[in-house]
Amino acid sequence: MRIQLSDHFTYGKLLRFVFPAIVTMIFTSVYSIVDGLFVSNFVGKTSFAALNLIFPLLMILGAVGFMVGSGGSAIIGKALGEKKQDLANQYFSLLVIATFLCGIVFSVIGQLFTRQIAVLLGAEGAMIEECVVYARILLGSLPFFMLQYVFQLFFVVAEKSKLGLGITVFSGIVNIILDGLFIVVFRWGLAGAAAATAVGQVIGGAWPVWYFIRKNDSLLRFSKTSFYGRVLLKTVTNGSSELLSNIAASIVTMLYNYQLMRLAGEDGVAAYGVIAYIAFIFAAIFIGYASGSAPLISYNYGAGNKTELKNVFYKGMLFHLIAGVVMTVFAIAVSKPLIHLFVRSDSQLFALTLHGLKLYSISFLICGFNIYASAFFTALNNGVASATISTLRTLVFGSGSILILPQIWGIDGIWLAITVAEMLSIFVSAAFVVWNRKKYHYM
């Protein structure tokens, strides 16, 4: 039976509703992880380090799509809750068009300055050319990468999260197959990894366009639209927390790479690359839950259903408590086989990565609450609260920790920086939850 936004959600129904969004987010992470897996095993350490060095730039640009998707889905979900179906479709159509055009502009600008950016990020010698090749190929598919992020969130509010999951899984499988073909068989190196990812992104961004432009049984479809300046502005401000969070996370990654190059050289960057790939999977579970449950929050807020809003909020808090403990224990327990997927013959790199991952994994206990709090306020159309949580969590506390702690604890300070940042952020998240409880009545 189809689960609707207007339903009452038990624990079982809520998990069934958000599960496709969680798996979708995990498979989205496949792009970078599979590239790294093939490159580290079949191309070489220098190419692997180059990939990790330039990837934050691509994530910053792609995060614009996540901003539109999160901010826009909150507006669309609220409109659906207010029974304004035609207006919801117009908003939906406008935001998709705006995202694609924005992607074209960013792609052109990025192509012009790729080499300069690679040098600015610290690339030297052969790494510069590797960074340029990888980035320029993926900049070509950037408009579709941004659309893919947008549709992941819009599929949930359209009550078609399973279809969104199917498209993402298919795109991920294509990426994996082409990685093997381009890198192992054709020996195209890092360019092959980029080409495989680009094809997967084009599929993930173009297929939903074909679906929504046709007649369908979802809550959304493309329609004639107008220029709603206020909707675009509200989308940007409401989703700014997700954009700022992704930008800040990319900046923090650059700081990680800078500090590790200083303290441990190329091995340090490679070790963090492996840890970041593993962390992508665990964080994707939290992000997937947050994005999957956000339309329920927006819909019930728009419908004025305070009882169901409270129900969804408390169930979300319990999920993150249990998931945080389980994922921390699991990450530490299986750290060796996870790292072995990326590092096999280099014992020194393996030891460095293993030690770093065990320290880094402590952050999984806390980060889910901060991710959920930010997404919760985005869904309530409170972009200020959401952006404040995200900015402090990543840009202020994250950057500050990575700059200060290595001065005290050396390389261990780098691995523990994320946990310290999350611990500081939990107090900010809790403060906003308490301050706004009477305004939205979720407690």
Protein backbone atom coordinates (compact mmCIF):
# COMPACT_ATOMS: atom_id res chain seq x y z
CA MET A 1 0.00 0.00 0.00
CA ARG A 2 1.29 3.45 -0.93
CA ILE A 3 2.38 5.54 2.05
CA GLN A 4 1.05 9.09 1.91
CA LEU A 5 2.31 12.27 3.55
CA SER A 6 -1.04 12.67 5.30
CA ASP A 7 -0.81 9.27 7.07
CA HIS A 8 -0.19 8.72 10.76
CA PHE A 9 3.29 7.23 11.09
CA THR A 10 4.11 4.34 13.38
CA TYR A 11 7.78 3.37 13.80
CA GLY A 12 7.43 0.71 11.12
CA LYS A 13 5.71 2.95 8.60
CA LEU A 14 8.18 5.79 9.21
CA LEU A 15 11.17 3.50 8.62
CA ARG A 16 9.57 2.13 5.44
CA PHE A 17 8.97 5.68 4.24
CA VAL A 18 12.51 6.95 4.85
CA PHE A 19 14.32 3.75 3.87
CA PRO A 20 14.42 4.51 0.12
CA ALA A 21 15.85 7.96 0.85
CA ILE A 22 18.56 6.44 3.06
CA VAL A 23 19.57 3.89 0.43
CA THR A 24 19.40 6.57 -2.27
CA MET A 25 21.83 8.74 -0.34
CA ILE A 26 24.16 5.77 0.20
CA PHE A 27 24.20 4.98 -3.52
CA THR A 28 24.87 8.63 -4.30
CA SER A 29 28.04 8.23 -2.28
CA VAL A 30 28.96 5.33 -4.56
CA TYR A 31 30.21 7.77 -7.20
CA SER A 32 33.18 9.01 -5.22
CA ILE A 33 33.73 5.77 -3.31
CA VAL A 34 33.82 3.51 -6.37
CA ASP A 35 36.12 5.92 -8.17
CA GLY A 36 38.45 5.90 -5.18
CA LEU A 37 38.29 2.12 -4.86
CA PHE A 38 39.29 1.51 -8.48
CA VAL A 39 41.84 4.32 -8.62
CA SER A 40 43.59 3.29 -5.39
CA ASN A 41 43.86 -0.34 -6.49
CA PHE A 42 44.47 -0.05 -10.24
CA VAL A 43 45.92 3.41 -10.94
CA GLY A 44 48.14 4.50 -8.08
CA LYS A 45 48.62 6.55 -4.92
CA THR A 46 49.32 9.84 -6.74
CA SER A 47 46.11 9.64 -8.78
CA PHE A 48 44.18 8.65 -5.65
CA ALA A 49 45.56 11.66 -3.78
CA ALA A 50 44.74 13.94 -6.74
CA LEU A 51 41.15 12.69 -6.80
CA ASN A 52 40.76 13.41 -3.08
CA LEU A 53 42.35 16.83 -3.47
CA ILE A 54 40.04 18.11 -6.23
CA PHE A 55 36.82 16.34 -5.23
CA PRO A 56 35.77 18.94 -2.60
CA LEU A 57 35.48 21.54 -5.41
CA LEU A 58 33.02 19.34 -7.29
CA MET A 59 31.02 18.70 -4.14
CA ILE A 60 30.74 22.42 -3.44
CA LEU A 61 29.26 23.00 -6.90
CA GLY A 62 26.97 19.98 -6.69
CA ALA A 63 25.75 21.12 -3.28
CA VAL A 64 23.78 23.90 -4.97
CA GLY A 65 21.44 21.15 -6.18
CA PHE A 66 21.11 19.84 -2.64
CA MET A 67 20.29 23.36 -1.48
CA VAL A 68 17.52 23.73 -4.06
CA GLY A 69 16.20 20.26 -3.31
CA SER A 70 16.05 20.70 0.46
CA GLY A 71 14.85 24.30 0.45
CA GLY A 72 12.44 23.74 -2.43
CA SER A 73 10.96 20.49 -1.09
CA ALA A 74 10.05 22.30 2.14
CA ILE A 75 8.16 24.96 0.15
CA ILE A 76 6.50 22.41 -2.13
CA GLY A 77 5.58 20.15 0.80
CA LYS A 78 4.02 23.06 2.65
CA ALA A 79 2.01 23.99 -0.47
CA LEU A 80 0.76 20.41 -0.77
CA GLY A 81 -0.22 20.44 2.89
CA GLU A 82 -2.23 23.61 2.18
CA LYS A 83 -3.96 21.79 -0.76
CA LYS A 84 -2.36 24.06 -3.40
CA GLN A 85 -1.53 21.37 -5.95
CA ASP A 86 -1.19 23.60 -9.04
CA LEU A 87 1.07 26.02 -7.24
CA ALA A 88 3.23 23.16 -5.98
CA ASN A 89 3.74 21.96 -9.58
CA GLN A 90 4.66 25.45 -10.75
CA TYR A 91 7.21 25.82 -7.95
CA PHE A 92 8.60 22.40 -8.77
CA SER A 93 9.00 23.22 -12.49
CA LEU A 94 10.64 26.58 -11.81
CA LEU A 95 13.19 25.11 -9.41
CA VAL A 96 14.23 22.33 -11.78
CA ILE A 97 14.78 24.79 -14.64
CA ALA A 98 16.71 27.18 -12.40
CA THR A 99 18.96 24.36 -11.18
CA PHE A 100 19.88 23.21 -14.68
CA LEU A 101 20.70 26.74 -15.87
CA CYS A 102 22.78 27.36 -12.77
CA GLY A 103 24.65 24.12 -13.44
CA ILE A 104 25.57 25.26 -16.96
CA VAL A 105 26.96 28.56 -15.66
CA PHE A 106 29.03 26.86 -12.95
CA SER A 107 30.31 24.29 -15.44
CA VAL A 108 31.63 26.94 -17.82
CA ILE A 109 33.29 28.99 -15.07
CA GLY A 110 34.82 25.87 -13.54
CA GLN A 111 36.32 24.76 -16.86
CA LEU A 112 38.09 28.11 -17.20
CA PHE A 113 39.78 28.04 -13.78
CA THR A 114 40.34 24.33 -13.07
CA ARG A 115 44.14 24.44 -13.19
CA GLN A 116 44.40 27.52 -10.97
CA ILE A 117 42.07 25.94 -8.42
CA ALA A 118 44.09 22.70 -8.38
CA VAL A 119 47.27 24.63 -7.65
CA LEU A 120 45.50 26.68 -4.98
CA LEU A 121 44.39 23.45 -3.27
CA GLY A 122 47.99 22.32 -3.04
CA ALA A 123 48.48 20.10 -6.10
CA GLU A 124 52.07 19.81 -7.26
CA GLY A 125 53.84 18.20 -10.21
CA ALA A 126 51.96 15.28 -11.76
CA MET A 127 49.04 15.79 -9.37
CA ILE A 128 48.11 19.05 -11.12
CA GLU A 129 47.43 17.39 -14.46
CA GLU A 130 45.54 14.54 -12.78
CA CYS A 131 43.33 17.03 -10.93
CA VAL A 132 42.63 18.99 -14.13
CA VAL A 133 41.67 15.92 -16.16
CA TYR A 134 39.34 14.53 -13.48
CA ALA A 135 37.66 17.86 -12.70
CA ARG A 136 37.08 18.98 -16.29
CA ILE A 137 35.33 15.75 -17.24
CA LEU A 138 33.01 15.94 -14.24
CA LEU A 139 32.35 19.64 -14.74
CA GLY A 140 30.86 18.63 -18.09
CA SER A 141 28.18 16.59 -16.31
CA LEU A 142 27.69 19.11 -13.47
CA PRO A 143 24.17 20.30 -14.52
CA PHE A 144 22.95 16.70 -14.33
CA PHE A 145 24.76 16.08 -11.04
CA MET A 146 22.93 19.06 -9.56
CA LEU A 147 19.62 17.82 -10.96
CA GLN A 148 20.26 14.42 -9.44
CA TYR A 149 20.53 15.97 -5.99
CA VAL A 150 17.36 17.99 -6.58
CA PHE A 151 15.30 15.02 -7.74
CA GLN A 152 16.43 12.81 -4.85
CA LEU A 153 14.56 15.15 -2.52
CA PHE A 154 11.69 15.97 -4.86
CA PHE A 155 10.94 12.26 -5.37
CA VAL A 156 10.28 11.97 -1.62
CA VAL A 157 7.83 14.86 -1.50
CA ALA A 158 6.17 13.43 -4.64
CA GLU A 159 5.59 10.16 -2.71
CA LYS A 160 7.82 8.32 -5.20
CA SER A 161 10.92 7.69 -3.10
CA LYS A 162 11.16 4.07 -4.33
CA LEU A 163 11.37 5.27 -7.92
CA GLY A 164 14.06 7.75 -6.91
CA LEU A 165 15.92 4.89 -5.23
CA GLY A 166 15.64 2.74 -8.35
CA ILE A 167 17.09 5.44 -10.58
CA THR A 168 19.95 6.11 -8.17
CA VAL A 169 20.76 2.40 -7.83
CA PHE A 170 20.77 1.97 -11.60
CA SER A 171 23.04 5.00 -12.01
CA GLY A 172 25.39 3.61 -9.37
CA ILE A 173 25.54 0.19 -11.03
CA VAL A 174 26.34 1.81 -14.38
CA ASN A 175 29.11 3.77 -12.67
CA ILE A 176 30.60 0.60 -11.15
CA ILE A 177 30.51 -1.33 -14.44
CA LEU A 178 32.04 1.52 -16.41
CA ASP A 179 34.73 2.05 -13.76
CA GLY A 180 35.81 -1.54 -14.23
CA LEU A 181 35.67 -1.24 -18.03
CA PHE A 182 37.40 2.14 -18.36
CA ILE A 183 40.03 1.67 -15.64
CA VAL A 184 40.81 -2.06 -15.56
CA VAL A 185 40.18 -3.04 -19.18
CA PHE A 186 40.84 0.14 -21.21
CA ARG A 187 43.40 1.50 -18.68
CA TRP A 188 42.23 5.10 -19.01
CA GLY A 189 43.38 5.89 -15.48
CA LEU A 190 41.82 8.78 -13.59
CA ALA A 191 40.11 10.01 -16.76
CA GLY A 192 38.28 6.69 -16.94
CA ALA A 193 37.05 7.10 -13.38
CA ALA A 194 35.74 10.58 -14.18
CA ALA A 195 34.05 9.41 -17.39
CA ALA A 196 32.29 6.55 -15.58
CA THR A 197 31.00 8.90 -12.89
CA ALA A 198 29.88 11.47 -15.48
CA VAL A 199 27.77 8.88 -17.33
CA GLY A 200 26.11 7.83 -14.06
CA GLN A 201 25.36 11.44 -13.18
CA VAL A 202 23.78 12.14 -16.57
CA ILE A 203 21.50 9.12 -16.15
CA GLY A 204 20.58 10.14 -12.59
CA GLY A 205 19.74 13.69 -13.64
CA ALA A 206 18.05 13.12 -17.01
CA TRP A 207 15.84 10.12 -16.25
CA PRO A 208 13.68 11.98 -13.67
CA VAL A 209 13.11 14.78 -16.19
CA TRP A 210 11.63 12.24 -18.59
CA TYR A 211 9.43 10.83 -15.80
CA PHE A 212 8.01 14.12 -14.53
CA ILE A 213 7.42 15.58 -17.99
CA ARG A 214 4.99 12.73 -18.72
CA LYS A 215 1.67 11.93 -17.06
CA ASN A 216 2.35 10.13 -13.79
CA ASP A 217 0.62 9.16 -10.55
CA SER A 218 2.93 11.11 -8.24
CA LEU A 219 2.05 14.34 -6.44
CA LEU A 220 4.22 16.36 -8.83
CA ARG A 221 4.69 16.87 -12.55
CA PHE A 222 6.08 19.54 -14.85
CA SER A 223 3.68 22.34 -15.74
CA LYS A 224 3.74 25.83 -17.15
CA THR A 225 5.32 28.13 -14.64
CA SER A 226 6.17 31.76 -14.03
CA PHE A 227 9.11 33.53 -12.46
CA TYR A 228 8.41 33.41 -8.72
CA GLY A 229 11.23 35.54 -7.37
CA ARG A 230 10.11 35.15 -3.78
CA VAL A 231 10.01 31.36 -4.12
CA LEU A 232 13.55 31.30 -5.50
CA LEU A 233 14.73 33.56 -2.70
CA LYS A 234 12.92 31.50 -0.07
CA THR A 235 14.38 28.32 -1.55
CA VAL A 236 17.90 29.72 -1.34
CA THR A 237 17.51 31.07 2.18
CA ASN A 238 15.65 28.01 3.42
CA GLY A 239 18.11 25.58 1.86
CA SER A 240 21.17 27.69 2.59
CA SER A 241 22.00 25.54 5.60
CA GLU A 242 22.49 22.50 3.36
CA LEU A 243 24.58 24.53 0.91
CA LEU A 244 26.64 26.09 3.69
CA SER A 245 27.05 22.71 5.31
CA ASN A 246 28.37 21.16 2.11
CA ILE A 247 30.61 24.14 1.32
CA ALA A 248 31.93 24.18 4.86
CA ALA A 249 32.48 20.40 4.77
CA SER A 250 34.47 20.80 1.56
CA ILE A 251 36.50 23.62 3.10
CA VAL A 252 37.15 21.47 6.15
CA THR A 253 38.25 18.64 3.83
CA MET A 254 40.70 21.03 2.18
CA LEU A 255 42.01 21.96 5.64
CA TYR A 256 42.34 18.26 6.50
CA ASN A 257 44.37 17.74 3.32
CA TYR A 258 46.52 20.78 4.06
CA GLN A 259 47.28 19.69 7.61
CA LEU A 260 47.90 16.09 6.60
CA MET A 261 50.22 17.11 3.75
CA ARG A 262 52.15 19.12 6.34
CA LEU A 263 52.28 16.36 8.98
CA ALA A 264 52.23 13.12 6.98
CA GLY A 265 52.67 14.00 3.31
CA GLU A 266 50.94 12.15 0.48
CA ASP A 267 50.19 9.19 2.77
CA GLY A 268 48.21 11.46 5.05
CA VAL A 269 46.01 12.71 2.21
CA ALA A 270 45.49 9.16 0.97
CA ALA A 271 44.60 7.96 4.49
CA TYR A 272 42.04 10.71 4.95
CA GLY A 273 40.61 9.90 1.53
CA VAL A 274 39.88 6.34 2.67
CA ILE A 275 38.40 7.52 5.98
CA ALA A 276 36.25 10.10 4.19
CA TYR A 277 34.86 7.44 1.82
CA ILE A 278 33.89 5.22 4.74
CA ALA A 279 32.44 8.18 6.63
CA PHE A 280 30.36 9.08 3.53
CA ILE A 281 28.43 5.84 3.94
CA PHE A 282 27.70 6.33 7.62
CA ALA A 283 26.80 10.02 7.22
CA ALA A 284 24.59 9.10 4.25
CA ILE A 285 22.35 7.11 6.61
CA PHE A 286 21.76 10.17 8.77
CA ILE A 287 21.37 12.52 5.79
CA GLY A 288 19.06 10.06 4.06
CA TYR A 289 16.81 9.83 7.11
CA ALA A 290 16.75 13.62 7.44
CA SER A 291 15.87 14.20 3.78
CA GLY A 292 13.39 11.31 3.76
CA SER A 293 11.46 12.56 6.79
CA ALA A 294 11.61 16.28 5.86
CA PRO A 295 8.49 16.22 3.60
CA LEU A 296 6.47 14.76 6.50
CA ILE A 297 7.55 17.67 8.67
CA SER A 298 6.79 20.27 5.97
CA TYR A 299 3.43 18.70 5.09
CA ASN A 300 2.17 18.48 8.67
CA TYR A 301 3.46 21.97 9.41
CA GLY A 302 1.50 23.29 6.42
CA ALA A 303 -1.57 21.26 7.41
CA GLY A 304 -1.37 22.48 11.02
CA ASN A 305 -1.23 18.89 12.35
CA LYS A 306 0.74 19.47 15.56
CA THR A 307 0.14 15.95 16.90
CA GLU A 308 1.74 14.26 13.91
CA LEU A 309 4.55 16.81 13.82
CA LYS A 310 5.37 15.91 17.42
CA ASN A 311 5.13 12.20 16.59
CA VAL A 312 7.62 12.45 13.71
CA PHE A 313 10.04 14.57 15.76
CA TYR A 314 10.29 12.18 18.72
CA LYS A 315 10.63 9.13 16.51
CA GLY A 316 13.44 10.86 14.64
CA MET A 317 15.32 11.59 17.86
CA LEU A 318 15.06 7.95 18.96
CA PHE A 319 16.29 6.74 15.57
CA HIS A 320 19.43 8.86 15.78
CA LEU A 321 20.17 7.74 19.33
CA ILE A 322 20.07 4.06 18.38
CA ALA A 323 21.71 4.48 14.98
CA GLY A 324 24.57 6.53 16.42
CA VAL A 325 25.55 3.82 18.90
CA VAL A 326 25.18 0.98 16.38
CA MET A 327 27.19 2.70 13.65
CA THR A 328 30.04 3.71 15.98
CA VAL A 329 30.47 0.17 17.28
CA PHE A 330 30.15 -1.28 13.78
CA ALA A 331 32.67 1.14 12.23
CA ILE A 332 35.32 0.30 14.83
CA ALA A 333 34.62 -3.45 14.67
CA VAL A 334 34.97 -3.75 10.87
CA SER A 335 37.59 -1.04 10.35
CA LYS A 336 40.28 -3.44 9.13
CA PRO A 337 38.30 -5.09 6.29
CA LEU A 338 36.86 -1.72 5.25
CA ILE A 339 40.31 -0.18 4.92
CA HIS A 340 41.63 -3.31 3.20
CA LEU A 341 39.29 -2.55 0.28
CA PHE A 342 41.38 0.54 -0.48
CA VAL A 343 44.82 -0.22 0.97
CA ARG A 344 46.39 -3.65 0.47
CA SER A 345 50.13 -3.63 -0.09
CA ASP A 346 51.21 -0.49 1.79
CA SER A 347 51.46 -1.52 5.47
CA GLN A 348 52.47 1.96 6.67
CA LEU A 349 49.48 3.60 4.98
CA PHE A 350 47.19 0.84 6.30
CA ALA A 351 48.33 1.41 9.90
CA LEU A 352 47.94 5.19 9.61
CA THR A 353 44.42 4.84 8.15
CA LEU A 354 43.33 2.24 10.72
CA HIS A 355 44.36 4.41 13.66
CA GLY A 356 42.70 7.47 12.12
CA LEU A 357 39.41 5.70 11.39
CA LYS A 358 39.03 4.37 14.94
CA LEU A 359 39.38 7.88 16.36
CA TYR A 360 37.22 9.47 13.65
CA SER A 361 34.39 6.93 14.21
CA ILE A 362 33.61 8.34 17.66
CA SER A 363 31.90 11.26 15.89
CA PHE A 364 29.13 8.94 14.61
CA LEU A 365 27.68 8.91 18.15
CA ILE A 366 26.73 12.58 17.88
CA CYS A 367 26.66 13.80 14.28
CA GLY A 368 23.23 12.35 13.49
CA PHE A 369 21.50 14.65 15.99
CA ASN A 370 23.11 17.74 14.46
CA ILE A 371 22.26 16.68 10.91
CA TYR A 372 18.66 15.98 11.91
CA ALA A 373 18.25 19.26 13.81
CA SER A 374 19.42 21.31 10.83
CA ALA A 375 17.20 19.41 8.38
CA PHE A 376 14.24 19.63 10.77
CA PHE A 377 14.31 23.43 10.81
CA THR A 378 14.79 23.55 7.03
CA ALA A 379 11.61 21.47 6.71
CA LEU A 380 9.84 23.96 8.99
CA ASN A 381 10.90 26.76 6.60
CA ASN A 382 13.16 28.21 9.30
CA GLY A 383 16.31 28.75 7.25
CA VAL A 384 17.96 30.97 9.87
CA ALA A 385 17.98 28.30 12.57
CA SER A 386 19.05 25.62 10.13
CA ALA A 387 21.84 27.72 8.61
CA THR A 388 23.14 28.75 12.03
CA ILE A 389 23.42 25.13 13.17
CA SER A 390 25.12 24.05 9.94
CA THR A 391 27.51 26.98 9.76
CA LEU A 392 28.66 26.69 13.36
CA ARG A 393 28.93 22.91 13.13
CA THR A 394 31.06 22.71 10.03
CA LEU A 395 32.67 26.03 9.21
CA VAL A 396 33.30 27.46 12.69
CA PHE A 397 33.72 24.42 14.96
CA GLY A 398 35.02 22.13 12.23
CA SER A 399 37.59 24.53 10.81
CA GLY A 400 38.63 25.71 14.26
CA SER A 401 39.17 22.17 15.49
CA ILE A 402 41.25 21.10 12.52
CA LEU A 403 43.44 24.19 12.82
CA ILE A 404 43.91 24.13 16.60
CA LEU A 405 43.91 20.50 17.76
CA PRO A 406 46.91 19.32 15.67
CA GLN A 407 48.95 21.94 17.50
CA ILE A 408 48.11 20.13 20.75
CA TRP A 409 47.84 16.43 19.86
CA GLY A 410 49.66 16.22 16.55
CA ILE A 411 48.10 13.96 13.94
CA ASP A 412 45.65 12.52 16.51
CA GLY A 413 44.23 16.04 16.75
CA ILE A 414 43.32 15.80 13.08
CA TRP A 415 41.38 12.56 13.56
CA LEU A 416 39.61 13.84 16.70
CA ALA A 417 38.72 17.27 15.26
CA ILE A 418 35.38 16.08 13.84
CA THR A 419 34.27 14.67 17.21
CA VAL A 420 35.12 17.88 19.05
CA ALA A 421 33.21 19.91 16.44
CA GLU A 422 30.14 17.66 16.78
CA MET A 423 30.25 17.88 20.59
CA LEU A 424 30.26 21.67 20.47
CA SER A 425 27.47 21.67 17.88
CA ILE A 426 25.13 19.48 19.91
CA PHE A 427 24.71 22.30 22.43
CA VAL A 428 23.73 24.71 19.62
CA SER A 429 21.24 22.21 18.16
CA ALA A 430 19.68 21.57 21.57
CA ALA A 431 19.35 25.29 22.22
CA PHE A 432 17.44 25.89 18.97
CA VAL A 433 15.19 22.89 19.60
CA VAL A 434 14.25 24.18 23.06
CA TRP A 435 13.85 27.83 21.99
CA ASN A 436 11.50 27.02 19.11
CA ARG A 437 9.36 24.32 20.75
CA LYS A 438 6.45 26.65 21.55
CA LYS A 439 6.49 28.24 18.10
CA TYR A 440 6.13 24.95 16.19
CA HIS A 441 4.69 22.68 18.92
CA TYR A 442 6.86 19.61 18.17
CA MET A 443 7.51 19.01 21.88
